[in-house]
Amino acid sequence: MRTGSIPLAAFVRAVLAVELGDLTPASRLIEGAESRFGPVRPAEALDGGG
C-alpha cells in the first residue's frame, strides 16, 4: 500500500454506507482525498468524455 493512502477500514465503511444510501462517509473520504492529493477528476474525464 502506498504512503498517504486512505485506510482500508475507512474505505470499506464508506462503500457500505453508500450501499445503504448514506453518502456522508463517502463525501468525507472525497473531501479528505482532495485536501491531500488535489481535486478528484469527474467520471467523464476518466472514460475520455468531456
N, C-alpha and C. Protein backbone atom coordinates (compact mmCIF):
# COMPACT_ATOMS: atom_id res chain seq x y z
N MET A 1 0.85 -1.17 0.00
CA MET A 1 0.00 0.00 0.00
C MET A 1 0.89 1.23 0.00
N ARG A 2 0.52 2.24 -0.79
CA ARG A 2 1.37 3.42 -0.87
C ARG A 2 1.17 4.34 0.33
N THR A 3 2.15 5.14 0.60
CA THR A 3 2.10 6.08 1.72
C THR A 3 1.05 7.15 1.46
N GLY A 4 0.28 7.49 2.47
CA GLY A 4 -0.72 8.54 2.35
C GLY A 4 -2.04 8.09 1.74
N SER A 5 -2.22 6.80 1.57
CA SER A 5 -3.47 6.32 1.01
C SER A 5 -4.56 6.28 2.08
N ILE A 6 -5.77 6.13 1.65
CA ILE A 6 -6.92 6.06 2.56
C ILE A 6 -6.89 4.73 3.30
N PRO A 7 -7.10 4.76 4.61
CA PRO A 7 -7.12 3.48 5.36
C PRO A 7 -8.21 2.55 4.82
N LEU A 8 -7.89 1.28 4.72
CA LEU A 8 -8.83 0.30 4.18
C LEU A 8 -10.15 0.29 4.94
N ALA A 9 -10.10 0.36 6.27
CA ALA A 9 -11.33 0.33 7.07
C ALA A 9 -12.23 1.52 6.73
N ALA A 10 -11.66 2.70 6.54
CA ALA A 10 -12.45 3.89 6.19
C ALA A 10 -13.10 3.71 4.82
N PHE A 11 -12.36 3.14 3.87
CA PHE A 11 -12.90 2.90 2.54
C PHE A 11 -14.07 1.92 2.58
N VAL A 12 -13.90 0.84 3.32
CA VAL A 12 -14.95 -0.18 3.42
C VAL A 12 -16.20 0.41 4.07
N ARG A 13 -16.03 1.18 5.14
CA ARG A 13 -17.18 1.82 5.78
C ARG A 13 -17.92 2.73 4.81
N ALA A 14 -17.16 3.50 4.02
CA ALA A 14 -17.79 4.41 3.06
C ALA A 14 -18.55 3.63 1.98
N VAL A 15 -17.97 2.55 1.48
CA VAL A 15 -18.64 1.74 0.45
C VAL A 15 -19.93 1.14 1.01
N LEU A 16 -19.87 0.61 2.21
CA LEU A 16 -21.08 0.03 2.81
C LEU A 16 -22.15 1.10 3.05
N ALA A 17 -21.73 2.27 3.47
CA ALA A 17 -22.68 3.35 3.70
C ALA A 17 -23.36 3.76 2.40
N VAL A 18 -22.60 3.83 1.30
CA VAL A 18 -23.19 4.17 0.00
C VAL A 18 -24.22 3.12 -0.39
N GLU A 19 -23.89 1.86 -0.18
CA GLU A 19 -24.84 0.78 -0.49
C GLU A 19 -26.13 0.92 0.31
N LEU A 20 -26.03 1.47 1.51
CA LEU A 20 -27.21 1.66 2.36
C LEU A 20 -27.89 3.01 2.12
N GLY A 21 -27.35 3.82 1.22
CA GLY A 21 -27.97 5.09 0.86
C GLY A 21 -27.47 6.29 1.65
N ASP A 22 -26.42 6.15 2.44
CA ASP A 22 -25.87 7.25 3.22
C ASP A 22 -24.58 7.70 2.56
N LEU A 23 -24.58 8.89 1.94
CA LEU A 23 -23.41 9.36 1.21
C LEU A 23 -22.43 10.16 2.06
N THR A 24 -22.75 10.40 3.33
CA THR A 24 -21.90 11.23 4.19
C THR A 24 -20.47 10.68 4.32
N PRO A 25 -20.26 9.39 4.66
CA PRO A 25 -18.88 8.90 4.77
C PRO A 25 -18.10 9.00 3.45
N ALA A 26 -18.76 8.74 2.34
CA ALA A 26 -18.09 8.84 1.04
C ALA A 26 -17.70 10.29 0.76
N SER A 27 -18.57 11.21 1.11
CA SER A 27 -18.27 12.63 0.92
C SER A 27 -17.06 13.04 1.75
N ARG A 28 -16.98 12.53 2.98
CA ARG A 28 -15.83 12.84 3.83
C ARG A 28 -14.54 12.28 3.23
N LEU A 29 -14.60 11.07 2.68
CA LEU A 29 -13.41 10.49 2.05
C LEU A 29 -12.95 11.33 0.85
N ILE A 30 -13.90 11.79 0.05
CA ILE A 30 -13.56 12.61 -1.12
C ILE A 30 -12.95 13.93 -0.67
N GLU A 31 -13.55 14.56 0.33
CA GLU A 31 -13.01 15.84 0.84
C GLU A 31 -11.59 15.64 1.38
N GLY A 32 -11.38 14.57 2.13
CA GLY A 32 -10.06 14.29 2.66
C GLY A 32 -9.04 14.01 1.57
N ALA A 33 -9.46 13.25 0.57
CA ALA A 33 -8.55 12.93 -0.54
C ALA A 33 -8.20 14.19 -1.33
N GLU A 34 -9.19 15.05 -1.57
CA GLU A 34 -8.93 16.28 -2.30
C GLU A 34 -8.01 17.22 -1.53
N SER A 35 -8.15 17.25 -0.21
CA SER A 35 -7.28 18.13 0.57
C SER A 35 -5.84 17.61 0.58
N ARG A 36 -5.66 16.29 0.45
CA ARG A 36 -4.31 15.71 0.48
C ARG A 36 -3.68 15.61 -0.90
N PHE A 37 -4.48 15.26 -1.92
CA PHE A 37 -3.92 14.91 -3.22
C PHE A 37 -4.37 15.80 -4.37
N GLY A 38 -5.28 16.75 -4.12
CA GLY A 38 -5.80 17.61 -5.17
C GLY A 38 -7.18 17.17 -5.60
N PRO A 39 -7.78 17.91 -6.54
CA PRO A 39 -9.16 17.62 -6.95
C PRO A 39 -9.33 16.23 -7.56
N VAL A 40 -10.48 15.65 -7.27
CA VAL A 40 -10.85 14.36 -7.85
C VAL A 40 -11.46 14.64 -9.22
N ARG A 41 -10.99 13.90 -10.22
CA ARG A 41 -11.49 14.11 -11.57
C ARG A 41 -12.92 13.59 -11.71
N PRO A 42 -13.76 14.30 -12.47
CA PRO A 42 -15.12 13.78 -12.71
C PRO A 42 -15.06 12.50 -13.54
N ALA A 43 -16.08 11.66 -13.42
CA ALA A 43 -16.11 10.36 -14.09
C ALA A 43 -15.94 10.48 -15.60
N GLU A 44 -16.53 11.50 -16.23
CA GLU A 44 -16.42 11.61 -17.68
C GLU A 44 -14.97 11.89 -18.12
N ALA A 45 -14.14 12.46 -17.25
CA ALA A 45 -12.73 12.67 -17.59
C ALA A 45 -11.97 11.35 -17.59
N LEU A 46 -12.44 10.38 -16.83
CA LEU A 46 -11.77 9.08 -16.75
C LEU A 46 -12.03 8.22 -17.97
N ASP A 47 -13.23 8.34 -18.57
CA ASP A 47 -13.56 7.48 -19.70
C ASP A 47 -13.40 8.17 -21.06
N GLY A 48 -12.73 9.32 -21.07
CA GLY A 48 -12.44 10.00 -22.33
C GLY A 48 -13.48 11.01 -22.76
N GLY A 49 -14.61 11.09 -22.07
CA GLY A 49 -15.62 12.07 -22.43
C GLY A 49 -15.28 13.41 -21.80
N GLY A 50 -15.88 14.50 -22.31
CA GLY A 50 -15.71 15.82 -21.69
C GLY A 50 -14.40 16.35 -21.88
